[in-house]
Amino acid sequence: MKHLNNEVIYQIYPLTFNYAPGSKSDPYKGSYGNLKGITALAPYVASLGVDTIWLTPFYPWGGHGFGYDITDYTGIDPMFGTTEDLQELCKTFHNLGLRVLIDQVYNHCSMHHPWFQKSLKKEAPYTDYFVWADAKGYDENNEPIAPNNWPATWSSDGDSVWRWSKKRRQFYMHSFDYTMPNLNLNNPVVQDELLKVAKYWFDLGIDGFRLDATTHYACDPLLRDNPLDENGKQKRIYDVTTQGGADFINRLKQLCNSYATPKTLLAEYWFDKSPESLDKNSKLIKNSGCDAFFLDALNHKLSDFVKNVSTALSVIPKGEKMNWAFSNHDLERAATRLFGNHYTPQKMVMLMQLLTALPGSICLFQGDELGLPNPVWFGNCKKPEFDPLDLWTPFSMPWDAARAGFAMSNADNDPTKKMALQPDSRQYALAVSTQDKPGSTLNRVRKAIARRRNSIFNEYGNIYFLNRKKPAEFIAFVRTNADESRKVLCLYNFSDRYVKLTYKKRTYKLAPEKVLIKEL
């Protein structure tokens, strides 16, 4: 089997992907997806032309982080099935020539994890398994003051990474929600414990990991305040993108390389959010054992594309360690996020054509190949028989809706309608999309993946943007191979009007919602 290189990866969110009967652990009978359901759709996934699948967490979890708040690192939640189901899944995909990556969440776990509960009580050896700190002092109301100014990426209890524990009389660090405390990756004992976890999954047959939140691995042991720039914005020097985190990843890669077929590491976000960090990032990435870094090429508007890709290529020349995605479980679906009420299936096909032109490896999120937008109505999930765990009632984050699934068919008795959570989901149903329609979104995405495999898009190379003064809805660049002996002109007009571009004394006129890809 291949290594990561320029692979196309298909991201699966097991909670909503597909359900199939037959597991020895099947408590909800189709209300949620399971491992058997993923195995059942293996031929469909392989038919897309992808090389690898990535499974988001299927471990026992605390009910707050949609699987990223793990309570048992080597367990499988009964709602998803059994260890035997996972082994069957791996065997099935391997027989089809696809590799299997799974999420590993080493930055944080659930506050209900036994490690954290013991750390609260200062039980050895768990006392320093998490990042604990004394209060800096107390305010006029005798409330404890956080140790420093580090911000949380998001949390339901405020902007700080610190939360006071009355039980332990100290603050604990949480890069994300307070229900997910940060593991202390500065502690070599914690690293050793996580390496045991990694070895368990590798020995079970997993081909590699997508590492969640690696930017937040480890932190400044002295817990120093981040300095401020002239505008009062923090320079993220001490809380993220640390050498300690990079050192742990390199230890993990040594384990990967101990196998006859080395295991793969795909790291989420390495880039710090402050511009002065680019030099630091360049050095860390150059020396990192990670095979690729999972990046978002598009945030909330098309104009992000030029900036994000240009920044990444300045850090990772020729895309040799890049992995790109337009949608994932942490973002609203691209169809909705980028186009809103102006979305058309053609625009989604264009996005996939754009994604497949990028150097490095790429990720498709389940449903992108069908042009799936965010659900627009959540009435179905209020029914207890559709959602016995009441997982879909509290929609608090924009990405919650993106984690809803897609229907397998348009039949009224199809149980996967429960996971789609929208009455119009059946127009995107898999059975409808897989009909023999060459012009369907699905088949055009397949064609884009096939073209990537048989062109310079499947090689590392550079991107030279041509339209910096044009509207953001028009993206134009020259894509090269590594030594620039071959070049391809790539034009994508997402706007509703004709656009002209002159390049090398030749003028190209592109109609609305059209793409031009021409070898030069």
Protein backbone atom coordinates (compact mmCIF):
# COMPACT_ATOMS: atom_id res chain seq x y z
CA MET A 1 0.00 0.00 0.00
CA LYS A 2 1.06 3.57 -0.69
CA HIS A 3 2.26 6.11 1.85
CA LEU A 4 0.37 9.41 2.24
CA ASN A 5 2.04 11.49 -0.49
CA ASN A 6 -0.68 12.87 -2.81
CA GLU A 7 -3.49 10.61 -1.64
CA VAL A 8 -7.19 11.42 -1.65
CA ILE A 9 -8.64 10.79 1.81
CA TYR A 10 -12.35 10.33 2.54
CA GLN A 11 -13.39 11.52 5.99
CA ILE A 12 -16.14 9.52 7.69
CA TYR A 13 -18.08 10.67 10.75
CA PRO A 14 -19.25 7.30 12.13
CA LEU A 15 -22.11 8.73 14.20
CA THR A 16 -24.07 9.64 11.07
CA PHE A 17 -22.46 7.92 8.09
CA ASN A 18 -24.42 4.68 7.79
CA TYR A 19 -26.03 1.96 9.87
CA ALA A 20 -26.03 -1.77 9.19
CA PRO A 21 -27.30 -4.61 11.39
CA GLY A 22 -25.26 -7.59 12.49
CA SER A 23 -23.03 -6.26 15.27
CA LYS A 24 -22.95 -8.02 18.65
CA SER A 25 -23.27 -4.50 20.09
CA ASP A 26 -26.27 -2.75 18.58
CA PRO A 27 -28.18 -0.82 21.29
CA TYR A 28 -29.93 1.79 19.11
CA LYS A 29 -30.97 -0.23 16.04
CA GLY A 30 -30.33 2.36 13.38
CA SER A 31 -30.74 5.70 15.12
CA TYR A 32 -27.02 6.29 14.70
CA GLY A 33 -24.30 5.08 12.37
CA ASN A 34 -21.99 2.22 13.29
CA LEU A 35 -18.84 0.44 12.14
CA LYS A 36 -20.87 -2.22 10.34
CA GLY A 37 -22.52 0.54 8.34
CA ILE A 38 -19.14 1.87 7.22
CA THR A 39 -18.02 -1.61 6.16
CA ALA A 40 -21.24 -2.06 4.20
CA LEU A 41 -20.45 1.04 2.13
CA ALA A 42 -16.79 0.15 1.50
CA PRO A 43 -17.40 -0.61 -2.21
CA TYR A 44 -19.11 2.75 -2.66
CA VAL A 45 -16.25 4.60 -0.97
CA ALA A 46 -13.71 2.75 -3.11
CA SER A 47 -15.69 3.65 -6.23
CA LEU A 48 -14.96 7.32 -5.60
CA GLY A 49 -11.32 6.70 -6.46
CA VAL A 50 -9.99 7.61 -3.01
CA ASP A 51 -6.92 6.01 -1.44
CA THR A 52 -7.61 6.20 2.27
CA ILE A 53 -10.43 6.63 4.77
CA TRP A 54 -10.21 8.63 7.98
CA LEU A 55 -12.60 7.75 10.80
CA THR A 56 -13.41 10.39 13.38
CA PRO A 57 -13.69 9.11 17.00
CA PHE A 58 -15.69 6.00 17.79
CA TYR A 59 -14.41 5.66 21.37
CA PRO A 60 -16.43 5.90 24.59
CA TRP A 61 -17.05 9.60 25.17
CA GLY A 62 -18.45 12.00 27.75
CA GLY A 63 -21.35 13.43 25.75
CA HIS A 64 -19.95 16.94 25.31
CA GLY A 65 -17.52 16.90 22.37
CA PHE A 66 -19.23 14.67 19.78
CA GLY A 67 -16.61 11.99 20.32
CA TYR A 68 -13.59 14.23 20.90
CA ASP A 69 -14.12 14.05 24.69
CA ILE A 70 -12.77 10.53 25.13
CA THR A 71 -13.28 8.52 28.33
CA ASP A 72 -11.42 5.37 27.19
CA TYR A 73 -8.58 5.62 24.67
CA THR A 74 -8.54 1.93 23.74
CA GLY A 75 -12.26 1.24 23.84
CA ILE A 76 -15.05 1.29 21.25
CA ASP A 77 -18.32 2.85 22.31
CA PRO A 78 -21.05 0.16 22.27
CA MET A 79 -23.16 2.41 20.03
CA PHE A 80 -20.58 1.90 17.25
CA GLY A 81 -19.97 -1.81 17.67
CA THR A 82 -17.09 -4.01 18.78
CA THR A 83 -13.38 -4.54 18.26
CA GLU A 84 -14.26 -7.38 15.90
CA ASP A 85 -16.35 -4.95 13.84
CA LEU A 86 -13.36 -2.63 13.50
CA GLN A 87 -11.08 -5.48 12.46
CA GLU A 88 -13.63 -6.54 9.85
CA LEU A 89 -13.77 -2.94 8.61
CA CYS A 90 -9.99 -2.77 8.23
CA LYS A 91 -9.84 -6.09 6.41
CA THR A 92 -12.59 -5.04 4.00
CA PHE A 93 -11.00 -1.73 3.08
CA HIS A 94 -7.53 -3.27 2.85
CA ASN A 95 -8.85 -5.86 0.41
CA LEU A 96 -10.12 -2.96 -1.72
CA GLY A 97 -6.67 -1.33 -1.62
CA LEU A 98 -7.61 1.46 0.79
CA ARG A 99 -5.82 2.38 4.01
CA VAL A 100 -7.58 3.21 7.30
CA LEU A 101 -6.66 6.21 9.46
CA ILE A 102 -8.35 6.95 12.77
CA ASP A 103 -8.48 10.08 14.91
CA GLN A 104 -6.28 10.23 17.97
CA VAL A 105 -7.06 12.99 20.46
CA TYR A 106 -3.93 13.44 22.56
CA ASN A 107 -4.26 17.11 23.47
CA HIS A 108 -7.27 16.59 25.71
CA CYS A 109 -9.79 14.06 26.94
CA SER A 110 -13.12 14.11 28.75
CA MET A 111 -13.34 15.50 32.26
CA HIS A 112 -15.03 12.16 33.02
CA HIS A 113 -11.95 10.17 31.99
CA PRO A 114 -10.60 8.15 34.96
CA TRP A 115 -7.22 9.86 34.56
CA PHE A 116 -8.74 13.29 35.18
CA GLN A 117 -10.92 12.12 38.04
CA LYS A 118 -7.83 10.70 39.77
CA SER A 119 -5.80 13.80 38.97
CA LEU A 120 -8.47 15.89 40.70
CA LYS A 121 -7.74 13.90 43.85
CA LYS A 122 -3.96 14.11 43.33
CA GLU A 123 -3.73 10.34 43.13
CA ALA A 124 -0.32 9.09 41.99
CA PRO A 125 0.77 8.72 39.23
CA TYR A 126 -2.01 10.91 37.77
CA THR A 127 -1.28 14.08 39.76
CA ASP A 128 0.49 15.78 36.86
CA TYR A 129 -1.27 14.06 33.95
CA PHE A 130 -2.98 17.39 33.24
CA VAL A 131 -1.85 21.02 33.18
CA TRP A 132 -2.57 22.38 36.65
CA ALA A 133 -1.59 25.81 38.02
CA ASP A 134 -2.09 27.87 41.15
CA ALA A 135 -4.08 31.09 41.04
CA LYS A 136 -2.03 34.19 40.27
CA GLY A 137 -3.88 35.86 43.10
CA TYR A 138 -7.40 36.78 44.16
CA ASP A 139 -9.61 39.69 43.11
CA GLU A 140 -11.65 42.04 45.28
CA ASN A 141 -14.38 39.40 45.50
CA ASN A 142 -11.86 36.79 46.62
CA GLU A 143 -12.24 34.97 43.29
CA PRO A 144 -9.09 33.23 41.97
CA ILE A 145 -7.23 34.96 39.10
CA ALA A 146 -6.12 32.82 36.15
CA PRO A 147 -2.38 32.06 35.89
CA ASN A 148 -1.92 33.91 32.59
CA ASN A 149 -3.64 35.48 29.56
CA TRP A 150 -3.85 32.42 27.29
CA PRO A 151 -7.13 32.26 25.30
CA ALA A 152 -9.29 29.19 24.66
CA THR A 153 -10.08 28.40 21.05
CA TRP A 154 -13.70 28.01 22.16
CA SER A 155 -15.37 27.23 25.44
CA SER A 156 -18.85 27.47 26.86
CA ASP A 157 -17.58 29.11 30.05
CA GLY A 158 -15.61 32.07 28.68
CA ASP A 159 -12.50 33.03 26.75
CA SER A 160 -9.74 31.76 29.03
CA VAL A 161 -8.01 28.37 28.81
CA TRP A 162 -8.18 28.16 32.60
CA ARG A 163 -10.97 26.84 34.83
CA TRP A 164 -10.89 26.78 38.59
CA SER A 165 -11.34 23.46 40.36
CA LYS A 166 -12.80 23.90 43.83
CA LYS A 167 -11.96 20.28 44.58
CA ARG A 168 -8.24 20.56 43.87
CA ARG A 169 -7.97 24.31 44.56
CA GLN A 170 -6.08 24.92 41.33
CA PHE A 171 -6.79 25.91 37.73
CA TYR A 172 -6.69 23.33 34.95
CA MET A 173 -6.00 24.16 31.30
CA HIS A 174 -8.45 23.46 28.47
CA SER A 175 -7.65 24.63 24.93
CA PHE A 176 -11.26 23.94 24.00
CA ASP A 177 -14.35 23.47 26.15
CA TYR A 178 -13.86 23.21 29.93
CA THR A 179 -15.31 19.69 29.73
CA MET A 180 -12.13 18.62 27.88
CA PRO A 181 -9.02 19.27 30.04
CA ASN A 182 -5.59 19.35 28.41
CA LEU A 183 -3.27 16.42 28.98
CA ASN A 184 0.18 17.46 30.16
CA LEU A 185 2.32 16.54 27.18
CA ASN A 186 5.33 18.11 28.91
CA ASN A 187 5.19 15.08 31.21
CA PRO A 188 7.15 12.12 29.73
CA VAL A 189 4.98 9.68 31.71
CA VAL A 190 1.89 10.98 29.89
CA GLN A 191 3.72 10.66 26.58
CA ASP A 192 4.61 7.05 27.42
CA GLU A 193 0.97 6.30 28.22
CA LEU A 194 -0.20 7.75 24.91
CA LEU A 195 2.44 5.80 23.00
CA LYS A 196 0.95 2.63 24.52
CA VAL A 197 -2.44 3.75 23.19
CA ALA A 198 -0.96 4.31 19.73
CA LYS A 199 0.70 0.89 19.71
CA TYR A 200 -2.59 -0.77 20.65
CA TRP A 201 -4.36 0.63 17.56
CA PHE A 202 -1.43 -0.01 15.24
CA ASP A 203 -1.22 -3.63 16.37
CA LEU A 204 -4.96 -3.96 15.72
CA GLY A 205 -4.38 -3.15 12.03
CA ILE A 206 -4.85 0.62 11.80
CA ASP A 207 -2.61 2.21 9.13
CA GLY A 208 -2.13 5.60 10.75
CA PHE A 209 -3.59 8.49 12.67
CA ARG A 210 -5.10 11.85 12.03
CA LEU A 211 -3.84 13.73 15.08
CA ASP A 212 -6.37 16.18 16.48
CA ALA A 213 -5.35 19.68 17.61
CA THR A 214 -1.56 19.24 17.36
CA THR A 215 -1.08 23.01 17.46
CA HIS A 216 -2.01 22.82 21.14
CA TYR A 217 0.31 19.94 22.08
CA ALA A 218 2.32 20.88 25.19
CA CYS A 219 2.83 24.46 26.38
CA ASP A 220 5.39 26.70 28.04
CA PRO A 221 6.28 24.96 31.33
CA LEU A 222 6.68 28.36 33.01
CA LEU A 223 3.16 29.39 31.90
CA ARG A 224 4.34 32.85 30.84
CA ASP A 225 1.88 35.44 29.50
CA ASN A 226 1.79 35.84 25.75
CA PRO A 227 3.17 39.29 24.82
CA LEU A 228 0.93 41.76 23.02
CA ASP A 229 1.56 43.48 19.69
CA GLU A 230 1.03 47.19 19.01
CA ASN A 231 -2.69 46.55 18.49
CA GLY A 232 -3.11 44.71 21.77
CA LYS A 233 -3.39 41.30 20.09
CA GLN A 234 -1.61 38.35 21.65
CA LYS A 235 1.48 36.93 20.01
CA ARG A 236 0.88 33.19 20.42
CA ILE A 237 4.37 32.32 21.61
CA TYR A 238 3.89 30.29 24.77
CA ASP A 239 0.56 28.49 24.51
CA VAL A 240 0.60 26.88 21.03
CA THR A 241 2.98 25.45 18.40
CA THR A 242 5.66 24.49 20.90
CA GLN A 243 8.86 22.52 20.54
CA GLY A 244 7.62 20.17 23.26
CA GLY A 245 4.64 19.24 21.10
CA ALA A 246 6.88 18.65 18.10
CA ASP A 247 9.18 16.43 20.17
CA PHE A 248 6.25 14.23 21.22
CA ILE A 249 5.13 13.86 17.60
CA ASN A 250 8.62 12.78 16.66
CA ARG A 251 8.54 10.13 19.40
CA LEU A 252 5.24 8.95 17.95
CA LYS A 253 6.77 8.81 14.47
CA GLN A 254 9.59 6.59 15.78
CA LEU A 255 6.89 4.14 16.82
CA CYS A 256 5.31 4.43 13.36
CA ASN A 257 8.61 3.59 11.72
CA SER A 258 9.11 0.49 13.87
CA TYR A 259 6.52 -1.36 11.74
CA ALA A 260 7.45 -3.20 8.54
CA THR A 261 5.06 -0.89 6.70
CA PRO A 262 5.48 2.47 8.45
CA LYS A 263 2.34 4.02 9.86
CA THR A 264 1.12 7.46 8.74
CA LEU A 265 0.67 10.62 10.79
CA LEU A 266 -1.61 13.40 9.54
CA ALA A 267 -1.56 16.39 11.90
CA GLU A 268 -4.37 18.91 12.22
CA TYR A 269 -3.31 22.58 11.94
CA TRP A 270 0.27 23.39 12.65
CA PHE A 271 0.00 27.08 11.91
CA ASP A 272 -0.05 29.51 14.81
CA LYS A 273 -2.54 32.34 14.39
CA SER A 274 0.07 35.11 14.68
CA PRO A 275 2.13 36.20 11.63
CA GLU A 276 5.46 36.22 13.50
CA SER A 277 5.12 32.46 13.93
CA LEU A 278 5.74 31.56 10.27
CA ASP A 279 9.49 31.16 10.69
CA LYS A 280 8.95 28.97 13.75
CA ASN A 281 6.40 26.91 11.87
CA SER A 282 8.75 26.44 8.94
CA LYS A 283 11.46 25.01 11.18
CA LEU A 284 9.12 22.76 13.13
CA ILE A 285 7.43 21.40 9.99
CA LYS A 286 10.76 20.79 8.23
CA ASN A 287 11.95 18.66 11.16
CA SER A 288 8.61 17.07 12.00
CA GLY A 289 7.96 13.37 11.67
CA CYS A 290 4.42 14.06 10.48
CA ASP A 291 3.69 13.00 6.92
CA ALA A 292 1.25 15.85 6.30
CA PHE A 293 -0.51 18.74 7.98
CA PHE A 294 -4.28 19.02 7.73
CA LEU A 295 -5.20 22.57 6.66
CA ASP A 296 -8.30 24.50 5.65
CA ALA A 297 -7.92 26.20 2.27
CA LEU A 298 -11.25 27.99 2.69
CA ASN A 299 -12.68 29.48 5.86
CA HIS A 300 -15.85 31.50 5.38
CA LYS A 301 -15.39 33.14 1.99
CA LEU A 302 -13.74 32.39 -1.33
CA SER A 303 -11.25 35.20 -0.82
CA ASP A 304 -9.64 33.12 1.95
CA PHE A 305 -8.35 30.70 -0.66
CA VAL A 306 -5.53 32.83 -2.09
CA LYS A 307 -4.33 33.94 1.34
CA ASN A 308 -4.46 30.49 2.94
CA VAL A 309 -2.79 28.64 0.09
CA SER A 310 -0.11 31.30 -0.34
CA THR A 311 0.70 31.21 3.38
CA ALA A 312 0.89 27.42 3.42
CA LEU A 313 3.15 27.28 0.37
CA SER A 314 5.48 29.81 1.99
CA VAL A 315 5.85 27.39 4.91
CA ILE A 316 5.61 24.06 3.04
CA PRO A 317 7.27 24.53 -0.38
CA LYS A 318 5.62 22.65 -3.25
CA GLY A 319 3.01 21.22 -0.89
CA GLU A 320 5.14 18.26 0.15
CA LYS A 321 3.56 18.03 3.59
CA MET A 322 0.18 19.60 2.94
CA ASN A 323 -3.25 18.08 3.26
CA TRP A 324 -6.20 20.21 2.17
CA ALA A 325 -9.92 20.16 2.97
CA PHE A 326 -12.84 22.46 2.20
CA SER A 327 -15.30 20.80 4.59
CA ASN A 328 -14.87 18.78 7.77
CA HIS A 329 -16.59 18.01 11.05
CA ASP A 330 -15.43 21.34 12.54
CA LEU A 331 -16.85 23.58 9.80
CA GLU A 332 -20.23 24.19 8.28
CA ARG A 333 -20.40 22.37 4.99
CA ALA A 334 -18.69 24.27 2.19
CA ALA A 335 -21.86 24.36 0.09
CA THR A 336 -23.65 26.34 2.80
CA ARG A 337 -20.71 28.19 4.34
CA LEU A 338 -19.43 29.67 1.09
CA PHE A 339 -22.58 30.12 -0.99
CA GLY A 340 -25.61 30.23 1.32
CA ASN A 341 -28.79 30.80 -0.68
CA HIS A 342 -26.70 31.14 -3.87
CA TYR A 343 -25.56 27.52 -3.70
CA THR A 344 -25.88 25.38 -6.82
CA PRO A 345 -24.68 21.79 -7.41
CA GLN A 346 -22.39 23.15 -10.12
CA LYS A 347 -20.56 25.30 -7.56
CA MET A 348 -19.95 22.25 -5.41
CA VAL A 349 -18.50 20.38 -8.39
CA MET A 350 -16.25 23.37 -9.04
CA LEU A 351 -15.05 23.30 -5.43
CA MET A 352 -14.13 19.65 -5.80
CA GLN A 353 -12.33 20.42 -9.08
CA LEU A 354 -10.43 23.17 -7.26
CA LEU A 355 -9.57 20.92 -4.32
CA THR A 356 -8.24 18.15 -6.56
CA ALA A 357 -5.84 20.61 -8.23
CA LEU A 358 -3.95 21.39 -5.02
CA PRO A 359 -0.48 19.95 -4.34
CA GLY A 360 -0.16 17.44 -1.51
CA SER A 361 -2.92 15.18 -0.24
CA ILE A 362 -6.59 16.19 0.06
CA CYS A 363 -9.61 15.27 2.19
CA LEU A 364 -13.25 14.94 1.18
CA PHE A 365 -15.82 15.07 3.95
CA GLN A 366 -18.66 12.55 3.72
CA GLY A 367 -21.43 13.96 1.53
CA ASP A 368 -19.25 16.47 -0.32
CA GLU A 369 -19.26 14.14 -3.29
CA LEU A 370 -23.06 14.43 -3.36
CA GLY A 371 -23.05 18.23 -3.04
CA LEU A 372 -24.65 18.02 0.40
CA PRO A 373 -25.43 21.36 2.08
CA ASN A 374 -26.04 21.85 5.79
CA PRO A 375 -29.41 20.58 6.99
CA VAL A 376 -31.98 23.37 7.12
CA TRP A 377 -34.51 21.82 9.43
CA PHE A 378 -34.05 19.73 12.58
CA GLY A 379 -37.61 18.70 13.42
CA ASN A 380 -36.96 15.00 12.85
CA CYS A 381 -34.28 14.77 15.51
CA LYS A 382 -36.69 15.90 18.21
CA LYS A 383 -38.43 12.52 18.05
CA PRO A 384 -37.04 10.22 20.77
CA GLU A 385 -37.11 7.19 18.48
CA PHE A 386 -34.86 9.06 16.03
CA ASP A 387 -32.45 10.33 18.69
CA PRO A 388 -32.66 8.24 21.88
CA LEU A 389 -29.49 9.80 23.32
CA ASP A 390 -30.77 13.34 22.65
CA LEU A 391 -27.55 14.22 20.84
CA TRP A 392 -29.05 16.62 18.32
CA THR A 393 -31.23 18.84 20.50
CA PRO A 394 -28.61 21.34 21.74
CA PHE A 395 -27.22 22.89 18.55
CA SER A 396 -24.69 25.39 19.90
CA MET A 397 -21.90 25.44 17.32
CA PRO A 398 -22.14 26.14 13.55
CA TRP A 399 -20.51 22.83 12.73
CA ASP A 400 -23.05 20.72 14.62
CA ALA A 401 -25.34 20.67 11.61
CA ALA A 402 -22.50 19.66 9.28
CA ARG A 403 -22.12 16.47 11.28
CA ALA A 404 -25.58 15.32 10.25
CA GLY A 405 -25.52 12.50 7.73
CA PHE A 406 -27.09 11.83 4.35
CA ALA A 407 -29.84 9.42 3.45
CA MET A 408 -28.99 6.20 1.64
CA SER A 409 -32.21 6.20 -0.38
CA ASN A 410 -35.40 8.19 -0.89
CA ALA A 411 -37.62 5.43 0.52
CA ASP A 412 -39.95 6.46 3.31
CA ASN A 413 -38.83 3.54 5.46
CA ASP A 414 -35.10 4.16 5.08
CA PRO A 415 -33.69 4.36 8.65
CA THR A 416 -30.83 6.60 7.55
CA LYS A 417 -33.31 9.44 7.11
CA LYS A 418 -33.02 9.76 10.88
CA MET A 419 -29.38 10.73 10.53
CA ALA A 420 -29.99 13.17 7.68
CA LEU A 421 -32.18 15.40 9.87
CA GLN A 422 -33.81 17.27 7.00
CA PRO A 423 -36.92 16.62 4.92
CA ASP A 424 -35.22 17.50 1.64
CA SER A 425 -32.19 15.27 2.26
CA ARG A 426 -33.58 12.64 -0.10
CA GLN A 427 -32.77 14.76 -3.14
CA TYR A 428 -29.14 14.13 -2.18
CA ALA A 429 -29.71 10.47 -1.27
CA LEU A 430 -26.99 8.08 -2.31
CA ALA A 431 -29.34 5.84 -4.27
CA VAL A 432 -30.50 8.84 -6.30
CA SER A 433 -26.98 10.19 -6.87
CA THR A 434 -25.54 6.85 -7.94
CA GLN A 435 -28.00 6.42 -10.76
CA ASP A 436 -26.38 6.33 -14.18
CA LYS A 437 -26.24 10.07 -14.71
CA PRO A 438 -22.89 11.25 -16.14
CA GLY A 439 -23.75 14.83 -15.22
CA SER A 440 -24.61 14.12 -11.58
CA THR A 441 -22.56 15.78 -8.86
CA LEU A 442 -21.27 12.41 -7.69
CA ASN A 443 -20.05 11.26 -11.09
CA ARG A 444 -18.45 14.62 -11.87
CA VAL A 445 -16.58 14.50 -8.55
CA ARG A 446 -15.42 11.00 -9.42
CA LYS A 447 -14.18 12.37 -12.74
CA ALA A 448 -12.27 15.16 -10.98
CA ILE A 449 -10.56 12.62 -8.71
CA ALA A 450 -9.67 10.45 -11.71
CA ARG A 451 -8.23 13.44 -13.58
CA ARG A 452 -6.09 14.30 -10.56
CA ARG A 453 -4.65 10.79 -10.56
CA ASN A 454 -3.63 11.02 -14.22
CA SER A 455 -2.22 14.55 -14.35
CA ILE A 456 0.36 16.81 -12.74
CA PHE A 457 -2.25 17.48 -10.04
CA ASN A 458 -1.07 14.18 -8.55
CA GLU A 459 2.43 15.62 -8.14
CA TYR A 460 3.94 18.14 -5.78
CA GLY A 461 4.37 21.59 -7.27
CA ASN A 462 3.87 25.33 -7.02
CA ILE A 463 0.86 27.60 -7.47
CA TYR A 464 1.17 31.07 -8.95
CA PHE A 465 -1.97 33.18 -8.53
CA LEU A 466 -2.94 35.44 -11.41
CA ASN A 467 -6.04 37.31 -10.29
CA ARG A 468 -5.14 39.22 -7.16
CA LYS A 469 -7.08 42.26 -8.39
CA LYS A 470 -10.05 40.26 -9.69
CA PRO A 471 -13.24 39.52 -7.74
CA ALA A 472 -12.87 36.82 -5.10
CA GLU A 473 -15.43 34.71 -6.98
CA PHE A 474 -12.86 34.25 -9.74
CA ILE A 475 -9.85 32.10 -8.82
CA ALA A 476 -7.02 31.83 -11.34
CA PHE A 477 -3.58 30.31 -11.01
CA VAL A 478 -0.87 28.38 -12.79
CA ARG A 479 -0.18 24.98 -11.25
CA THR A 480 3.24 23.44 -11.89
CA ASN A 481 4.93 20.18 -11.12
CA ALA A 482 7.92 20.09 -8.77
CA ASP A 483 10.61 21.13 -11.26
CA GLU A 484 8.19 23.39 -13.18
CA SER A 485 8.78 21.54 -16.42
CA ARG A 486 4.99 21.30 -16.83
CA LYS A 487 2.38 23.97 -16.20
CA VAL A 488 -1.41 24.03 -16.16
CA LEU A 489 -3.65 27.10 -16.28
CA CYS A 490 -6.56 26.75 -13.84
CA LEU A 491 -9.53 29.15 -13.98
CA TYR A 492 -12.64 28.88 -11.75
CA ASN A 493 -15.43 31.40 -12.19
CA PHE A 494 -17.82 31.08 -9.23
CA SER A 495 -19.49 34.42 -10.09
CA ASP A 496 -22.74 35.06 -11.97
CA ARG A 497 -21.09 37.04 -14.78
CA TYR A 498 -18.49 36.57 -17.51
CA VAL A 499 -14.87 37.15 -16.49
CA LYS A 500 -11.83 37.83 -18.66
CA LEU A 501 -8.19 37.08 -17.95
CA THR A 502 -5.16 37.84 -20.10
CA TYR A 503 -2.19 35.56 -19.58
CA LYS A 504 0.89 35.31 -21.80
CA LYS A 505 -0.73 37.64 -24.37
CA ARG A 506 -3.79 35.43 -24.68
CA THR A 507 -7.23 36.42 -23.37
CA TYR A 508 -9.51 33.84 -21.78
CA LYS A 509 -13.23 34.53 -21.34
CA LEU A 510 -15.03 32.37 -18.83
CA ALA A 511 -18.81 32.06 -18.44
CA PRO A 512 -20.50 32.03 -15.02
CA GLU A 513 -19.97 28.83 -13.02
CA LYS A 514 -17.41 27.47 -15.48
CA VAL A 515 -13.96 25.97 -15.12
CA LEU A 516 -11.05 26.01 -17.55
CA ILE A 517 -8.08 23.70 -17.03
CA LYS A 518 -5.52 23.90 -19.82
CA GLU A 519 -2.01 22.52 -20.03
CA LEU A 520 0.40 25.22 -21.19
